[in-house]
């Protein structure tokens, strides 16, 4: 490394001696020197030369001595390394200098061979220190970037060099969910930019905090929509359970947020959530220039279409049986066998519920009505009609009743 060294000493002939001794290093570009005659001049010079790497200072000088200079240097953020020069018998001052941050010392009269060795050793120390600071800065930048996607504890681990491989493209078993606010595009047209920005930032902050609480990964934020992964980049044996619990927590937060917006005169739509589990290719696909941790595969497409299916079904959360079967202690009610857009095979879907909701009498009535529908029992229509009569806000029950009234049978449902 090329080093700039500031020599602070009031001896008039020292400058010539230093330039003569280090003429080869100066000629080769390895070193350059600045000279000051006391601490006051040195501080002014440091202010104008931010590239100084090392200060070599005498202790006994007029106006401001070396110890006072060291004290001033300790108060700066630059942390310039220092070598002190003093008489051999002045060990008390040398000790004080070392306590004030001096890296090393040489004694007078100066042995220039010893000075060269000491400077070389100090510059090597500076190089190691700078490399460590650079690694720390890079780690902090990586952590700041990763914190946009991952929970804080996961971001901390992935910020280390040893975890870089976890961000490369891999095929994993994951759970994934999508969220989207209904009619958000239309709402955007009616809101002032400052109102929209504050609303969306608060909403997304609350939603991502919930994701991170459950150690999920935010793969994408597009407008008001979130794409979330569980089981990537690190293995999570309980990824399905985490996805279900997270979906319920997101739903509860989104409903509460929607109610607050309504009270403030903002007609925010409900948040719809779709979730699925299965294999996917996950990793950083930013092309080497950008960080874009995301996932690809049919599992992702199915989750996105389950989110969209909520609109037709009247539900807020729609998850696949694949996910439900993997989630420990799953509570929910069956929606039906959905033929999603672009698919030919049906996929059983569920509406997840909290344990309290699952134990409610209305859920029992729904399960009985659905069982009649699945078995082809002609009493299914009456069962759903009774349920809608007692639970007029149950849109899923209303969806099935409408199907039956229009002549549909069974639980196979083609999604538009």
Protein backbone atom coordinates (compact mmCIF):
# COMPACT_ATOMS: atom_id res chain seq x y z
CA UNK A 1 0.00 0.00 0.00
CA UNK A 2 1.10 3.60 -0.62
CA UNK A 3 1.38 5.38 2.73
CA UNK A 4 1.26 9.07 3.61
CA UNK A 5 3.20 9.82 6.81
CA UNK A 6 3.06 13.05 8.82
CA UNK A 7 6.23 13.76 10.83
CA UNK A 8 5.71 16.23 13.72
CA UNK A 9 8.96 17.56 15.25
CA UNK A 10 10.47 21.00 15.88
CA UNK A 11 14.05 19.99 14.97
CA UNK A 12 14.92 21.94 11.76
CA UNK A 13 17.18 19.31 10.20
CA UNK A 14 14.85 16.30 10.70
CA UNK A 15 12.93 16.85 7.46
CA UNK A 16 16.09 16.56 5.32
CA UNK A 17 17.25 13.46 7.20
CA UNK A 18 13.88 11.71 6.76
CA UNK A 19 13.67 12.53 3.05
CA UNK A 20 17.22 11.24 2.57
CA UNK A 21 16.64 8.03 4.53
CA UNK A 22 13.38 7.14 2.75
CA UNK A 23 14.29 8.45 -0.70
CA UNK A 24 13.93 4.99 -2.32
CA UNK A 25 10.44 4.43 -0.89
CA UNK A 26 9.46 7.97 -1.93
CA UNK A 27 10.81 7.44 -5.46
CA UNK A 28 8.99 4.10 -5.79
CA UNK A 29 5.70 5.62 -4.65
CA UNK A 30 5.49 3.49 -1.53
CA UNK A 31 5.65 6.45 0.86
CA UNK A 32 5.11 10.18 0.93
CA UNK A 33 5.87 12.56 3.80
CA UNK A 34 4.39 15.71 5.27
CA UNK A 35 6.08 17.75 8.00
CA UNK A 36 4.76 19.89 10.89
CA UNK A 37 6.67 21.61 13.68
CA UNK A 38 4.19 21.21 16.54
CA UNK A 39 0.78 19.80 17.44
CA UNK A 40 -1.17 22.88 16.32
CA UNK A 41 0.35 22.79 12.84
CA UNK A 42 -0.11 19.02 12.70
CA UNK A 43 -3.87 19.22 13.40
CA UNK A 44 -4.29 21.89 10.71
CA UNK A 45 -2.37 19.74 8.26
CA UNK A 46 -4.45 16.66 9.09
CA UNK A 47 -7.59 18.70 8.47
CA UNK A 48 -6.39 19.44 4.95
CA UNK A 49 -4.88 16.02 4.21
CA UNK A 50 -7.43 13.28 4.92
CA UNK A 51 -5.12 10.73 3.29
CA UNK A 52 -2.56 10.68 6.16
CA UNK A 53 -2.09 7.09 7.29
CA UNK A 54 0.47 7.48 10.08
CA UNK A 55 1.71 10.22 12.42
CA UNK A 56 5.26 10.14 13.78
CA UNK A 57 5.45 12.75 16.55
CA UNK A 58 7.95 14.05 19.05
CA UNK A 59 6.67 14.57 22.60
CA UNK A 60 8.45 17.80 23.58
CA UNK A 61 7.39 20.63 21.22
CA UNK A 62 6.23 24.27 21.54
CA UNK A 63 2.55 25.42 21.48
CA UNK A 64 1.14 21.84 21.60
CA UNK A 65 3.25 18.89 22.70
CA UNK A 66 2.96 15.32 21.44
CA UNK A 67 0.85 14.09 24.36
CA UNK A 68 -1.74 16.83 23.79
CA UNK A 69 -1.71 15.98 20.07
CA UNK A 70 -2.36 12.32 20.88
CA UNK A 71 -5.31 13.36 23.06
CA UNK A 72 -6.76 15.35 20.16
CA UNK A 73 -6.25 12.47 17.74
CA UNK A 74 -8.09 10.15 20.14
CA UNK A 75 -11.12 12.42 19.87
CA UNK A 76 -11.32 12.15 16.08
CA UNK A 77 -13.18 9.47 14.12
CA UNK A 78 -10.26 8.84 11.75
CA UNK A 79 -8.21 6.90 14.30
CA UNK A 80 -4.81 7.74 12.74
CA UNK A 81 -2.10 5.39 14.01
CA UNK A 82 0.76 7.10 15.81
CA UNK A 83 4.44 6.48 16.62
CA UNK A 84 5.92 8.68 19.38
CA UNK A 85 9.53 9.84 19.57
CA UNK A 86 11.15 10.72 22.90
CA UNK A 87 14.35 10.51 24.89
CA UNK A 88 15.12 7.06 26.25
CA UNK A 89 14.93 8.25 29.84
CA UNK A 90 11.50 9.81 29.38
CA UNK A 91 9.61 6.54 29.99
CA UNK A 92 6.84 8.21 32.00
CA UNK A 93 5.80 10.28 28.98
CA UNK A 94 6.16 7.28 26.66
CA UNK A 95 3.85 5.28 28.91
CA UNK A 96 1.31 8.12 28.88
CA UNK A 97 1.55 8.24 25.09
CA UNK A 98 0.89 4.52 24.79
CA UNK A 99 -2.13 4.87 27.10
CA UNK A 100 -3.43 7.60 24.79
CA UNK A 101 -3.39 5.31 21.78
CA UNK A 102 0.15 5.45 20.39
CA UNK A 103 0.92 2.24 18.51
CA UNK A 104 4.68 2.20 19.13
CA UNK A 105 7.64 4.43 20.02
CA UNK A 106 11.26 5.11 19.07
CA UNK A 107 13.87 6.88 21.18
CA UNK A 108 16.17 9.82 20.56
CA UNK A 109 18.66 10.19 19.12
CA UNK A 110 16.69 8.56 16.30
CA UNK A 111 18.13 5.37 14.88
CA UNK A 112 16.74 5.60 11.33
CA UNK A 113 17.07 1.86 10.83
CA UNK A 114 14.89 1.33 13.89
CA UNK A 115 12.48 4.03 12.67
CA UNK A 116 12.15 2.31 9.28
CA UNK A 117 11.40 -1.03 10.96
CA UNK A 118 8.86 0.54 13.31
CA UNK A 119 7.13 2.38 10.46
CA UNK A 120 6.98 -0.83 8.42
CA UNK A 121 5.48 -2.76 11.32
CA UNK A 122 2.93 -0.01 11.98
CA UNK A 123 1.89 0.19 8.31
CA UNK A 124 1.33 -3.57 8.25
CA UNK A 125 -0.86 -3.18 11.33
CA UNK A 126 -2.79 -0.39 9.59
CA UNK A 127 -3.33 -2.59 6.53
CA UNK A 128 -4.73 -5.44 8.64
CA UNK A 129 -6.93 -3.00 10.54
CA UNK A 130 -8.29 -1.46 7.34
CA UNK A 131 -9.03 -4.85 5.80
CA UNK A 132 -10.92 -5.82 8.95
CA UNK A 133 -12.90 -2.55 8.80
CA UNK A 134 -13.65 -3.13 5.12
CA UNK A 135 -14.91 -6.65 5.84
CA UNK A 136 -17.07 -5.27 8.64
CA UNK A 137 -18.46 -2.56 6.37
CA UNK A 138 -19.21 -5.13 3.66
CA UNK A 139 -20.89 -7.36 6.22
CA UNK A 140 -22.98 -4.42 7.44
CA UNK A 141 -24.00 -3.56 3.88
CA UNK A 142 -24.85 -7.21 3.23
CA UNK A 143 -26.85 -7.35 6.46
CA UNK A 144 -28.74 -4.18 5.51
CA UNK A 145 -29.56 -5.66 2.11
CA UNK A 146 -30.50 -9.08 3.48
CA UNK A 147 -32.67 -7.50 6.18
CA UNK A 148 -35.04 -6.40 3.43
CA UNK A 149 -35.78 -10.05 2.70
CA UNK A 150 -34.98 -12.10 5.78
CA UNK A 151 -35.75 -12.01 9.48
CA UNK A 152 -33.00 -10.23 11.48
CA UNK A 153 -31.52 -13.40 12.96
CA UNK A 154 -31.36 -15.08 9.56
CA UNK A 155 -29.93 -11.97 7.91
CA UNK A 156 -27.19 -11.87 10.56
CA UNK A 157 -26.14 -15.43 9.73
CA UNK A 158 -26.40 -15.03 5.96
CA UNK A 159 -24.21 -11.92 6.14
CA UNK A 160 -21.21 -14.14 6.90
CA UNK A 161 -18.98 -15.54 4.16
CA UNK A 162 -19.72 -19.12 5.19
CA UNK A 163 -23.42 -18.78 4.38
CA UNK A 164 -23.06 -17.43 0.82
CA UNK A 165 -23.74 -20.88 -0.63
CA UNK A 166 -27.21 -20.82 0.91
CA UNK A 167 -28.14 -17.98 -1.44
CA UNK A 168 -27.20 -19.85 -4.61
CA UNK A 169 -29.85 -21.52 -6.76
CA UNK A 170 -31.08 -24.71 -5.09
CA UNK A 171 -34.06 -27.01 -5.36
CA UNK A 172 -35.84 -27.07 -2.00
CA UNK A 173 -39.05 -28.21 -0.39
CA UNK A 174 -40.72 -24.98 0.65
CA UNK A 175 -44.00 -23.37 1.64
CA UNK A 176 -44.91 -20.14 -0.10
CA UNK A 177 -47.68 -17.59 0.22
CA UNK A 178 -48.91 -14.56 -1.68
CA UNK A 179 -50.87 -11.60 -0.33
CA UNK A 180 -52.74 -8.94 -2.27
CA UNK A 181 -55.15 -6.11 -1.39
CA UNK A 182 -58.46 -6.23 -3.26
CA UNK A 183 -59.20 -3.24 -5.55
CA UNK A 184 -56.00 -1.49 -4.55
CA UNK A 185 -55.34 -0.12 -8.04
CA UNK A 186 -58.69 1.69 -8.03
CA UNK A 187 -57.98 3.08 -4.56
CA UNK A 188 -54.64 4.49 -5.74
CA UNK A 189 -56.44 6.75 -8.20
CA UNK A 190 -58.44 8.40 -5.39
CA UNK A 191 -55.65 9.08 -2.85
CA UNK A 192 -53.12 11.89 -2.65
CA UNK A 193 -49.51 10.63 -3.01
CA UNK A 194 -48.54 11.55 0.55
CA UNK A 195 -51.59 9.71 1.97
CA UNK A 196 -50.98 6.67 -0.23
CA UNK A 197 -47.28 6.54 0.65
CA UNK A 198 -47.88 6.68 4.40
CA UNK A 199 -50.68 4.10 4.22
CA UNK A 200 -48.74 1.63 2.09
CA UNK A 201 -45.54 1.99 4.12
CA UNK A 202 -47.37 1.36 7.39
CA UNK A 203 -49.22 -1.64 5.94
CA UNK A 204 -46.12 -3.25 4.45
CA UNK A 205 -44.06 -2.60 7.58
CA UNK A 206 -46.66 -4.39 9.70
CA UNK A 207 -46.99 -7.29 7.25
CA UNK A 208 -43.23 -7.83 6.86
CA UNK A 209 -42.72 -7.64 10.63
CA UNK A 210 -45.17 -10.54 10.99
CA UNK A 211 -43.36 -12.51 8.28
CA UNK A 212 -40.04 -11.97 10.03
CA UNK A 213 -41.54 -12.92 13.39
CA UNK A 214 -42.28 -16.33 11.87
CA UNK A 215 -38.80 -16.48 10.24
CA UNK A 216 -40.21 -16.15 6.74
CA UNK A 217 -38.37 -14.71 3.74
CA UNK A 218 -39.86 -11.81 1.78
CA UNK A 219 -39.03 -12.77 -1.79
CA UNK A 220 -40.87 -9.89 -3.45
CA UNK A 221 -42.83 -6.75 -2.66
CA UNK A 222 -44.71 -5.55 -5.73
CA UNK A 223 -46.90 -2.58 -4.94
CA UNK A 224 -49.17 -3.80 -2.16
CA UNK A 225 -48.46 -7.50 -2.76
CA UNK A 226 -46.08 -9.75 -0.83
CA UNK A 227 -44.47 -13.01 -1.91
CA UNK A 228 -43.19 -14.98 1.09
CA UNK A 229 -41.12 -18.15 1.40
CA UNK A 230 -40.65 -20.62 4.24
CA UNK A 231 -37.93 -23.26 4.12
CA UNK A 232 -35.54 -21.04 2.15
CA UNK A 233 -32.77 -20.06 2.20
CA UNK A 234 -32.32 -22.25 5.29
CA UNK A 235 -34.03 -25.54 5.98
CA UNK A 236 -37.15 -25.31 8.14
CA UNK A 237 -38.65 -28.75 8.85
CA UNK A 238 -41.82 -27.01 10.04
CA UNK A 239 -42.09 -24.68 7.03
CA UNK A 240 -45.70 -25.68 6.35
CA UNK A 241 -46.80 -24.99 9.92
CA UNK A 242 -45.00 -21.65 9.88
CA UNK A 243 -46.77 -20.67 6.64
CA UNK A 244 -50.23 -21.45 8.04
CA UNK A 245 -49.66 -19.65 11.35
CA UNK A 246 -48.13 -16.68 9.51
CA UNK A 247 -51.08 -16.53 7.09
CA UNK A 248 -53.53 -16.33 10.00
CA UNK A 249 -51.46 -13.62 11.68
CA UNK A 250 -51.23 -11.63 8.44
CA UNK A 251 -54.99 -11.94 7.99
CA UNK A 252 -55.68 -10.68 11.51
CA UNK A 253 -53.35 -7.69 11.06
CA UNK A 254 -54.75 -6.85 7.62
CA UNK A 255 -58.34 -6.90 8.92
CA UNK A 256 -57.45 -4.63 11.83
CA UNK A 257 -55.56 -2.28 9.48
CA UNK A 258 -58.51 -2.22 7.08
CA UNK A 259 -60.89 -1.29 9.92
CA UNK A 260 -58.62 1.59 10.96
CA UNK A 261 -58.53 2.86 7.39
CA UNK A 262 -62.32 2.70 7.15
CA UNK A 263 -62.66 4.82 10.30
CA UNK A 264 -60.34 7.37 8.65
CA UNK A 265 -62.48 7.47 5.53
CA UNK A 266 -60.22 5.30 3.34
CA UNK A 267 -61.99 2.37 1.66
CA UNK A 268 -59.09 -0.10 1.76
CA UNK A 269 -59.97 -3.50 0.35
CA UNK A 270 -59.50 -6.76 2.23
CA UNK A 271 -56.24 -8.67 1.95
CA UNK A 272 -56.37 -12.04 0.19
CA UNK A 273 -53.81 -14.75 0.90
CA UNK A 274 -52.94 -17.95 -0.99
CA UNK A 275 -50.46 -20.60 0.16
CA UNK A 276 -49.06 -23.89 -1.13
CA UNK A 277 -46.15 -26.24 -0.41
CA UNK A 278 -43.87 -28.25 -2.66
CA UNK A 279 -40.56 -28.20 -4.54
CA UNK A 280 -39.16 -24.99 -6.02
CA UNK A 281 -35.88 -23.60 -7.28
CA UNK A 282 -34.83 -20.80 -4.95
CA UNK A 283 -31.80 -18.53 -4.89
CA UNK A 284 -30.31 -15.18 -5.81
CA UNK A 285 -31.09 -14.59 -9.46
CA UNK A 286 -29.92 -11.00 -9.70
CA UNK A 287 -27.51 -11.59 -12.56
CA UNK A 288 -24.46 -10.71 -10.45
CA UNK A 289 -25.36 -7.01 -10.49
CA UNK A 290 -28.46 -6.99 -8.28
CA UNK A 291 -29.63 -8.99 -5.27
CA UNK A 292 -32.89 -10.74 -6.18
CA UNK A 293 -33.60 -13.70 -3.93
CA UNK A 294 -36.68 -15.41 -5.36
CA UNK A 295 -38.26 -18.75 -6.26
CA UNK A 296 -39.44 -20.44 -9.43
CA UNK A 297 -41.59 -23.46 -10.18
CA UNK A 298 -45.14 -24.77 -10.27
CA UNK A 299 -45.40 -24.52 -6.48
CA UNK A 300 -45.07 -20.74 -6.78
CA UNK A 301 -47.64 -20.54 -9.59
CA UNK A 302 -50.19 -22.58 -7.62
CA UNK A 303 -49.83 -20.39 -4.53
CA UNK A 304 -50.40 -17.27 -6.64
CA UNK A 305 -53.52 -18.78 -8.22
CA UNK A 306 -54.88 -19.82 -4.83
CA UNK A 307 -54.57 -16.20 -3.74
CA UNK A 308 -56.54 -15.12 -6.81
CA UNK A 309 -59.15 -17.85 -6.17
CA UNK A 310 -60.23 -16.09 -2.96
CA UNK A 311 -62.08 -13.47 -5.01
CA UNK A 312 -64.39 -16.04 -6.58
CA UNK A 313 -64.76 -18.11 -3.41
CA UNK A 314 -65.44 -15.21 -1.04
CA UNK A 315 -62.63 -16.29 1.28
CA UNK A 316 -59.63 -14.31 2.54
CA UNK A 317 -57.21 -17.25 2.90
CA UNK A 318 -57.01 -20.25 0.59
CA UNK A 319 -54.38 -22.95 1.11
CA UNK A 320 -53.75 -26.24 -0.63
CA UNK A 321 -54.32 -29.64 0.96
CA UNK A 322 -50.62 -30.28 0.28
CA UNK A 323 -49.77 -27.49 2.71
CA UNK A 324 -52.54 -28.37 5.18
CA UNK A 325 -51.46 -32.01 5.37
CA UNK A 326 -47.90 -30.98 6.25
CA UNK A 327 -48.91 -28.41 8.88
CA UNK A 328 -48.99 -29.85 12.37
CA UNK A 329 -52.39 -29.55 14.04
CA UNK A 330 -53.95 -27.85 11.02
CA UNK A 331 -57.42 -26.42 11.66
CA UNK A 332 -59.56 -25.43 8.72
CA UNK A 333 -62.61 -26.14 6.65
CA UNK A 334 -62.51 -27.66 3.16
CA UNK A 335 -63.35 -25.36 0.28
CA UNK A 336 -63.53 -27.93 -2.49
CA UNK A 337 -61.46 -29.48 -5.27
CA UNK A 338 -60.34 -26.49 -7.29
CA UNK A 339 -59.34 -26.65 -10.95
CA UNK A 340 -57.11 -23.60 -11.03
CA UNK A 341 -56.68 -21.46 -14.09
CA UNK A 342 -54.37 -23.18 -16.56
CA UNK A 343 -54.68 -26.56 -14.79
CA UNK A 344 -56.59 -29.71 -15.66
CA UNK A 345 -56.26 -31.61 -12.39
CA UNK A 346 -58.18 -30.55 -9.30
CA UNK A 347 -56.47 -29.53 -6.07
CA UNK A 348 -58.20 -29.79 -2.70
CA UNK A 349 -58.17 -26.42 -0.95
CA UNK A 350 -58.91 -25.33 2.61
CA UNK A 351 -59.68 -22.17 4.49
CA UNK A 352 -57.43 -22.23 7.59
CA UNK A 353 -59.02 -21.27 10.90
CA UNK A 354 -57.84 -20.53 14.40
CA UNK A 355 -58.53 -23.23 16.94
CA UNK A 356 -61.34 -21.15 18.44
CA UNK A 357 -62.95 -20.63 15.04
CA UNK A 358 -62.67 -24.33 14.25
CA UNK A 359 -64.44 -25.28 17.48
CA UNK A 360 -67.33 -22.87 16.85
CA UNK A 361 -70.83 -24.33 16.13
CA UNK A 362 -70.92 -22.57 12.75
CA UNK A 363 -67.83 -24.51 11.60
CA UNK A 364 -69.42 -27.79 12.65
CA UNK A 365 -72.53 -26.88 10.64
CA UNK A 366 -70.36 -26.04 7.61
CA UNK A 367 -68.47 -29.35 7.84
CA UNK A 368 -71.76 -31.25 7.95
CA UNK A 369 -73.10 -29.34 4.93
CA UNK A 370 -69.83 -29.87 3.01
CA UNK A 371 -69.92 -33.61 3.76
CA UNK A 372 -73.41 -33.76 2.22
CA UNK A 373 -72.16 -31.83 -0.82
CA UNK A 374 -69.17 -34.16 -1.24
CA UNK A 375 -71.28 -37.31 -0.97
CA UNK A 376 -73.99 -36.05 -3.36
CA UNK A 377 -76.60 -35.89 -0.61
CA UNK A 378 -79.63 -33.93 -1.81
CA UNK A 379 -79.84 -32.33 1.63
CA UNK A 380 -76.71 -30.26 0.91
CA UNK A 381 -78.70 -27.31 -0.44
CA UNK A 382 -80.93 -27.14 2.63
CA UNK A 383 -77.90 -27.47 4.92
CA UNK A 384 -76.09 -24.58 3.25
CA UNK A 385 -79.28 -22.50 3.13
CA UNK A 386 -79.71 -22.97 6.86
CA UNK A 387 -76.09 -22.03 7.47
CA UNK A 388 -76.33 -18.87 5.37
CA UNK A 389 -79.51 -17.95 7.20
CA UNK A 390 -77.75 -18.13 10.56
CA UNK A 391 -74.39 -16.83 9.28
CA UNK A 392 -75.17 -14.27 6.57
CA UNK A 393 -71.56 -13.05 6.46
CA UNK A 394 -70.18 -16.52 5.66
CA UNK A 395 -69.30 -15.91 2.04
CA UNK A 396 -67.91 -19.39 1.45
CA UNK A 397 -71.18 -20.97 2.54
CA UNK A 398 -72.98 -18.47 0.32
CA UNK A 399 -70.71 -19.43 -2.60
CA UNK A 400 -71.67 -23.12 -2.26
CA UNK A 401 -75.36 -22.30 -1.90
CA UNK A 402 -75.26 -20.19 -5.05
CA UNK A 403 -73.57 -23.06 -6.94
CA UNK A 404 -76.25 -25.49 -5.82
CA UNK A 405 -79.05 -23.08 -6.76
CA UNK A 406 -77.49 -22.80 -10.23
CA UNK A 407 -77.56 -26.57 -10.68
CA UNK A 408 -73.95 -27.44 -9.79
CA UNK A 409 -73.20 -30.65 -7.92
CA UNK A 410 -70.23 -32.02 -6.01
CA UNK A 411 -67.13 -30.25 -4.83
CA UNK A 412 -65.16 -29.96 -8.08
CA UNK A 413 -64.95 -26.24 -8.87
CA UNK A 414 -63.48 -24.74 -12.04
CA UNK A 415 -61.91 -21.38 -11.23
CA UNK A 416 -62.38 -18.51 -13.64
